[in-house]
C-alpha atoms as a PDB file:
ATOM      1  CA  MET A   1    -106.971 -50.831 -42.683  1.00  0.00           C
ATOM      2  CA  THR A   2    -104.257 -53.169 -42.565  1.00  0.00           C
ATOM      3  CA  GLU A   3    -103.504 -55.830 -39.963  1.00  0.00           C
ATOM      4  CA  ASN A   4    -100.064 -56.387 -40.273  1.00  0.00           C
ATOM      5  CA  SER A   5     -99.411 -59.253 -37.655  1.00  0.00           C
ATOM      6  CA  THR A   6    -100.962 -62.120 -35.920  1.00  0.00           C
ATOM      7  CA  ALA A   7    -101.136 -62.421 -32.094  1.00  0.00           C
ATOM      8  CA  SER A   8     -99.308 -65.085 -30.554  1.00  0.00           C
ATOM      9  CA  GLU A   9    -100.957 -67.343 -28.169  1.00  0.00           C
ATOM     10  CA  ASP A  10     -99.815 -65.366 -25.185  1.00  0.00           C
ATOM     11  CA  ALA A  11    -101.699 -61.875 -24.868  1.00  0.00           C
ATOM     12  CA  THR A  12     -99.603 -59.098 -25.792  1.00  0.00           C
ATOM     13  CA  VAL A  13     -99.980 -55.214 -25.873  1.00  0.00           C
ATOM     14  CA  GLY A  14    -101.989 -54.435 -29.056  1.00  0.00           C
ATOM     15  CA  ILE A  15    -100.759 -51.576 -30.943  1.00  0.00           C
ATOM     16  CA  VAL A  16    -102.989 -49.437 -33.325  1.00  0.00           C
ATOM     17  CA  LEU A  17    -101.399 -46.415 -35.310  1.00  0.00           C
ATOM     18  CA  ILE A  18    -103.539 -43.929 -36.351  1.00  0.00           C
ATOM     19  CA  SER A  19    -102.532 -41.346 -39.062  1.00  0.00           C
ATOM     20  CA  HIS A  20    -104.281 -39.091 -41.656  1.00  0.00           C
ATOM     21  CA  SER A  21    -102.509 -41.049 -44.700  1.00  0.00           C
ATOM     22  CA  ARG A  22    -103.400 -44.807 -45.170  1.00  0.00           C
ATOM     23  CA  ALA A  23     -99.940 -45.237 -46.464  1.00  0.00           C
ATOM     24  CA  ILE A  24     -98.313 -43.767 -43.677  1.00  0.00           C
ATOM     25  CA  ALA A  25     -99.984 -45.640 -41.059  1.00  0.00           C
ATOM     26  CA  GLU A  26     -99.467 -49.203 -43.049  1.00  0.00           C
ATOM     27  CA  GLY A  27     -96.172 -48.305 -43.620  1.00  0.00           C
ATOM     28  CA  ALA A  28     -95.411 -47.653 -39.987  1.00  0.00           C
ATOM     29  CA  ALA A  29     -97.391 -50.837 -39.018  1.00  0.00           C
ATOM     30  CA  ASP A  30     -95.352 -52.643 -41.337  1.00  0.00           C
ATOM     31  CA  VAL A  31     -91.916 -51.712 -40.178  1.00  0.00           C
ATOM     32  CA  ALA A  32     -92.992 -52.413 -36.207  1.00  0.00           C
ATOM     33  CA  ALA A  33     -94.667 -55.785 -37.227  1.00  0.00           C
ATOM     34  CA  GLN A  34     -91.572 -57.197 -38.515  1.00  0.00           C
ATOM     35  CA  VAL A  35     -89.574 -55.895 -35.451  1.00  0.00           C
ATOM     36  CA  SER A  36     -91.945 -57.810 -33.394  1.00  0.00           C
ATOM     37  CA  ALA A  37     -91.591 -61.212 -35.439  1.00  0.00           C
ATOM     38  CA  GLY A  38     -95.279 -61.297 -35.871  1.00  0.00           C
ATOM     39  CA  THR A  39     -95.819 -61.731 -32.025  1.00  0.00           C
ATOM     40  CA  VAL A  40     -97.725 -58.520 -31.433  1.00  0.00           C
ATOM     41  CA  ARG A  41    -101.162 -57.562 -33.037  1.00  0.00           C
ATOM     42  CA  ILE A  42    -100.269 -54.013 -34.978  1.00  0.00           C
ATOM     43  CA  VAL A  43    -102.948 -52.166 -37.252  1.00  0.00           C
ATOM     44  CA  GLY A  44    -102.285 -49.087 -39.167  1.00  0.00           C
ATOM     45  CA  VAL A  45    -105.224 -47.083 -39.844  1.00  0.00           C
ATOM     46  CA  GLY A  46    -105.739 -43.792 -41.669  1.00  0.00           C
ATOM     47  CA  GLY A  47    -107.156 -41.786 -44.374  1.00  0.00           C
ATOM     48  CA  THR A  48    -110.703 -41.742 -45.379  1.00  0.00           C
ATOM     49  CA  GLU A  49    -113.011 -44.366 -47.060  1.00  0.00           C
ATOM     50  CA  ASP A  50    -112.709 -42.747 -50.152  1.00  0.00           C
ATOM     51  CA  GLY A  51    -108.670 -42.449 -50.030  1.00  0.00           C
ATOM     52  CA  ARG A  52    -108.449 -38.911 -49.085  1.00  0.00           C
ATOM     53  CA  LEU A  53    -106.440 -37.747 -45.938  1.00  0.00           C
ATOM     54  CA  GLY A  54    -108.170 -37.919 -42.706  1.00  0.00           C
ATOM     55  CA  THR A  55    -109.118 -39.970 -39.880  1.00  0.00           C
ATOM     56  CA  SER A  56    -112.119 -41.998 -38.996  1.00  0.00           C
ATOM     57  CA  LEU A  57    -113.411 -42.719 -35.543  1.00  0.00           C
ATOM     58  CA  ASP A  58    -115.113 -45.755 -36.818  1.00  0.00           C
ATOM     59  CA  ALA A  59    -112.106 -47.299 -38.492  1.00  0.00           C
ATOM     60  CA  LEU A  60    -110.207 -46.588 -35.008  1.00  0.00           C
ATOM     61  CA  VAL A  61    -113.083 -48.578 -33.150  1.00  0.00           C
ATOM     62  CA  THR A  62    -112.387 -51.459 -35.632  1.00  0.00           C
ATOM     63  CA  ALA A  63    -108.565 -51.367 -35.283  1.00  0.00           C
ATOM     64  CA  VAL A  64    -108.529 -51.513 -31.564  1.00  0.00           C
ATOM     65  CA  ASP A  65    -111.273 -54.380 -31.423  1.00  0.00           C
ATOM     66  CA  LYS A  66    -108.745 -56.055 -33.903  1.00  0.00           C
ATOM     67  CA  VAL A  67    -105.468 -55.824 -31.555  1.00  0.00           C
ATOM     68  CA  SER A  68    -107.170 -56.080 -28.320  1.00  0.00           C
ATOM     69  CA  ALA A  69    -106.055 -59.243 -26.867  1.00  0.00           C
ATOM     70  CA  GLY A  70    -106.752 -58.758 -23.108  1.00  0.00           C
ATOM     71  CA  ALA A  71    -103.224 -57.071 -22.077  1.00  0.00           C
ATOM     72  CA  GLY A  72    -104.375 -53.511 -23.434  1.00  0.00           C
ATOM     73  CA  VAL A  73    -103.918 -51.464 -26.366  1.00  0.00           C
ATOM     74  CA  LEU A  74    -101.562 -48.560 -27.108  1.00  0.00           C
ATOM     75  CA  ILE A  75    -103.122 -45.918 -29.577  1.00  0.00           C
ATOM     76  CA  LEU A  76    -100.290 -43.887 -31.478  1.00  0.00           C
ATOM     77  CA  PRO A  77    -101.448 -41.039 -33.487  1.00  0.00           C
ATOM     78  CA  ASP A  78     -99.180 -39.013 -35.814  1.00  0.00           C
ATOM     79  CA  LEU A  79    -100.629 -35.481 -35.283  1.00  0.00           C
ATOM     80  CA  GLY A  80    -103.861 -33.005 -35.603  1.00  0.00           C
ATOM     81  CA  SER A  81    -107.026 -34.770 -36.094  1.00  0.00           C
ATOM     82  CA  ALA A  82    -105.445 -38.140 -35.420  1.00  0.00           C
ATOM     83  CA  VAL A  83    -105.121 -37.178 -31.803  1.00  0.00           C
ATOM     84  CA  LEU A  84    -108.548 -35.605 -31.565  1.00  0.00           C
ATOM     85  CA  THR A  85    -110.081 -38.906 -32.879  1.00  0.00           C
ATOM     86  CA  ALA A  86    -108.268 -41.014 -30.493  1.00  0.00           C
ATOM     87  CA  LYS A  87    -108.882 -38.510 -27.495  1.00  0.00           C
ATOM     88  CA  ALA A  88    -112.498 -38.866 -28.529  1.00  0.00           C
ATOM     89  CA  TYR A  89    -112.411 -42.306 -28.508  1.00  0.00           C
ATOM     90  CA  LEU A  90    -110.960 -42.651 -25.243  1.00  0.00           C
ATOM     91  CA  ALA A  91    -113.484 -39.892 -23.783  1.00  0.00           C
ATOM     92  CA  ASP A  92    -116.248 -41.997 -24.820  1.00  0.00           C
ATOM     93  CA  SER A  93    -118.091 -43.448 -21.841  1.00  0.00           C
ATOM     94  CA  ARG A  94    -118.737 -46.842 -23.531  1.00  0.00           C
ATOM     95  CA  THR A  95    -114.911 -47.324 -24.156  1.00  0.00           C
ATOM     96  CA  ARG A  96    -113.411 -49.845 -21.920  1.00  0.00           C
ATOM     97  CA  GLY A  97    -110.232 -49.755 -20.077  1.00  0.00           C
ATOM     98  CA  GLY A  98    -106.794 -50.657 -20.917  1.00  0.00           C
ATOM     99  CA  LEU A  99    -106.570 -48.099 -23.566  1.00  0.00           C
ATOM    100  CA  VAL A 100    -103.681 -45.519 -23.548  1.00  0.00           C
ATOM    101  CA  ILE A 101    -102.652 -42.967 -26.070  1.00  0.00           C
ATOM    102  CA  ALA A 102     -99.097 -42.159 -26.322  1.00  0.00           C
ATOM    103  CA  ASP A 103     -97.596 -38.794 -26.799  1.00  0.00           C
ATOM    104  CA  ALA A 104     -94.165 -40.367 -29.063  1.00  0.00           C
ATOM    105  CA  PRO A 105     -92.578 -39.901 -32.308  1.00  0.00           C
ATOM    106  CA  PHE A 106     -95.043 -41.898 -35.027  1.00  0.00           C
ATOM    107  CA  VAL A 107     -92.479 -44.677 -36.124  1.00  0.00           C
ATOM    108  CA  GLU A 108     -89.922 -44.712 -33.796  1.00  0.00           C
ATOM    109  CA  GLY A 109     -92.605 -44.885 -30.598  1.00  0.00           C
ATOM    110  CA  ALA A 110     -93.983 -47.830 -32.855  1.00  0.00           C
ATOM    111  CA  VAL A 111     -90.732 -49.629 -33.358  1.00  0.00           C
ATOM    112  CA  ALA A 112     -90.048 -49.224 -29.554  1.00  0.00           C
ATOM    113  CA  ALA A 113     -93.531 -50.437 -28.610  1.00  0.00           C
ATOM    114  CA  ALA A 114     -93.526 -53.207 -30.867  1.00  0.00           C
ATOM    115  CA  VAL A 115     -90.261 -54.825 -29.487  1.00  0.00           C
ATOM    116  CA  THR A 116     -91.417 -53.816 -25.716  1.00  0.00           C
ATOM    117  CA  ALA A 117     -94.472 -55.460 -26.334  1.00  0.00           C
ATOM    118  CA  ALA A 118     -93.121 -58.485 -28.261  1.00  0.00           C
ATOM    119  CA  GLY A 119     -90.717 -59.100 -24.969  1.00  0.00           C
ATOM    120  CA  GLY A 120     -94.090 -59.618 -23.070  1.00  0.00           C
ATOM    121  CA  ALA A 121     -93.989 -56.312 -21.267  1.00  0.00           C
ATOM    122  CA  GLY A 122     -97.498 -54.692 -19.816  1.00  0.00           C
ATOM    123  CA  LEU A 123     -99.388 -51.641 -21.228  1.00  0.00           C
ATOM    124  CA  ALA A 124     -97.261 -49.174 -18.831  1.00  0.00           C
ATOM    125  CA  GLU A 125     -94.102 -50.355 -20.125  1.00  0.00           C
ATOM    126  CA  VAL A 126     -95.096 -50.475 -23.847  1.00  0.00           C
ATOM    127  CA  VAL A 127     -96.311 -46.658 -23.567  1.00  0.00           C
ATOM    128  CA  ALA A 128     -92.976 -45.660 -21.752  1.00  0.00           C
ATOM    129  CA  ALA A 129     -90.837 -47.248 -24.524  1.00  0.00           C
ATOM    130  CA  ALA A 130     -92.938 -45.820 -27.057  1.00  0.00           C
ATOM    131  CA  GLU A 131     -93.003 -42.077 -25.375  1.00  0.00           C
ATOM    132  CA  GLY A 132     -88.891 -42.527 -24.691  1.00  0.00           C
ATOM    133  CA  ALA A 133     -88.261 -43.055 -28.390  1.00  0.00           C
ATOM    134  CA  ARG A 134     -88.627 -39.358 -28.590  1.00  0.00           C
ATOM    135  CA  ASP A 135     -85.188 -38.605 -26.799  1.00  0.00           C
ATOM    136  CA  VAL A 136     -83.371 -41.437 -29.167  1.00  0.00           C
ATOM    137  CA  ARG A 137     -80.817 -39.680 -31.259  1.00  0.00           C
ATOM    138  CA  LYS A 138     -80.528 -40.728 -35.090  1.00  0.00           C
ATOM    139  CA  LEU A 139     -76.893 -38.946 -35.695  1.00  0.00           C
END
């Protein structure tokens, strides 16, 4: 897990990117952190402790704790067990509110969410921006 930016003095929505691949999660987090100019807490988490592909509930819990600044946390999974891991985390009765899983494209959604969060938007707006990235054409 790598933290790719620091929080500003004002609370912004935090973002956790969870993937099967640590490299993919960290790379997408790097891109999103750059477009947020370091004003948003963004963490990419993925892979297993021994470097294989997979996801970890413990790593997700740690990541959410790192990015949580009081304005909510967006969790953006790539596919498969990353989605299941995020859903399991939200289903846990001990999980506090202010957490949302976005159904969004991984990189484009992360960038849209980071830009929106950097502008001071609330959690619902950040989620909408991430999910709206699905409709952005590349060509």
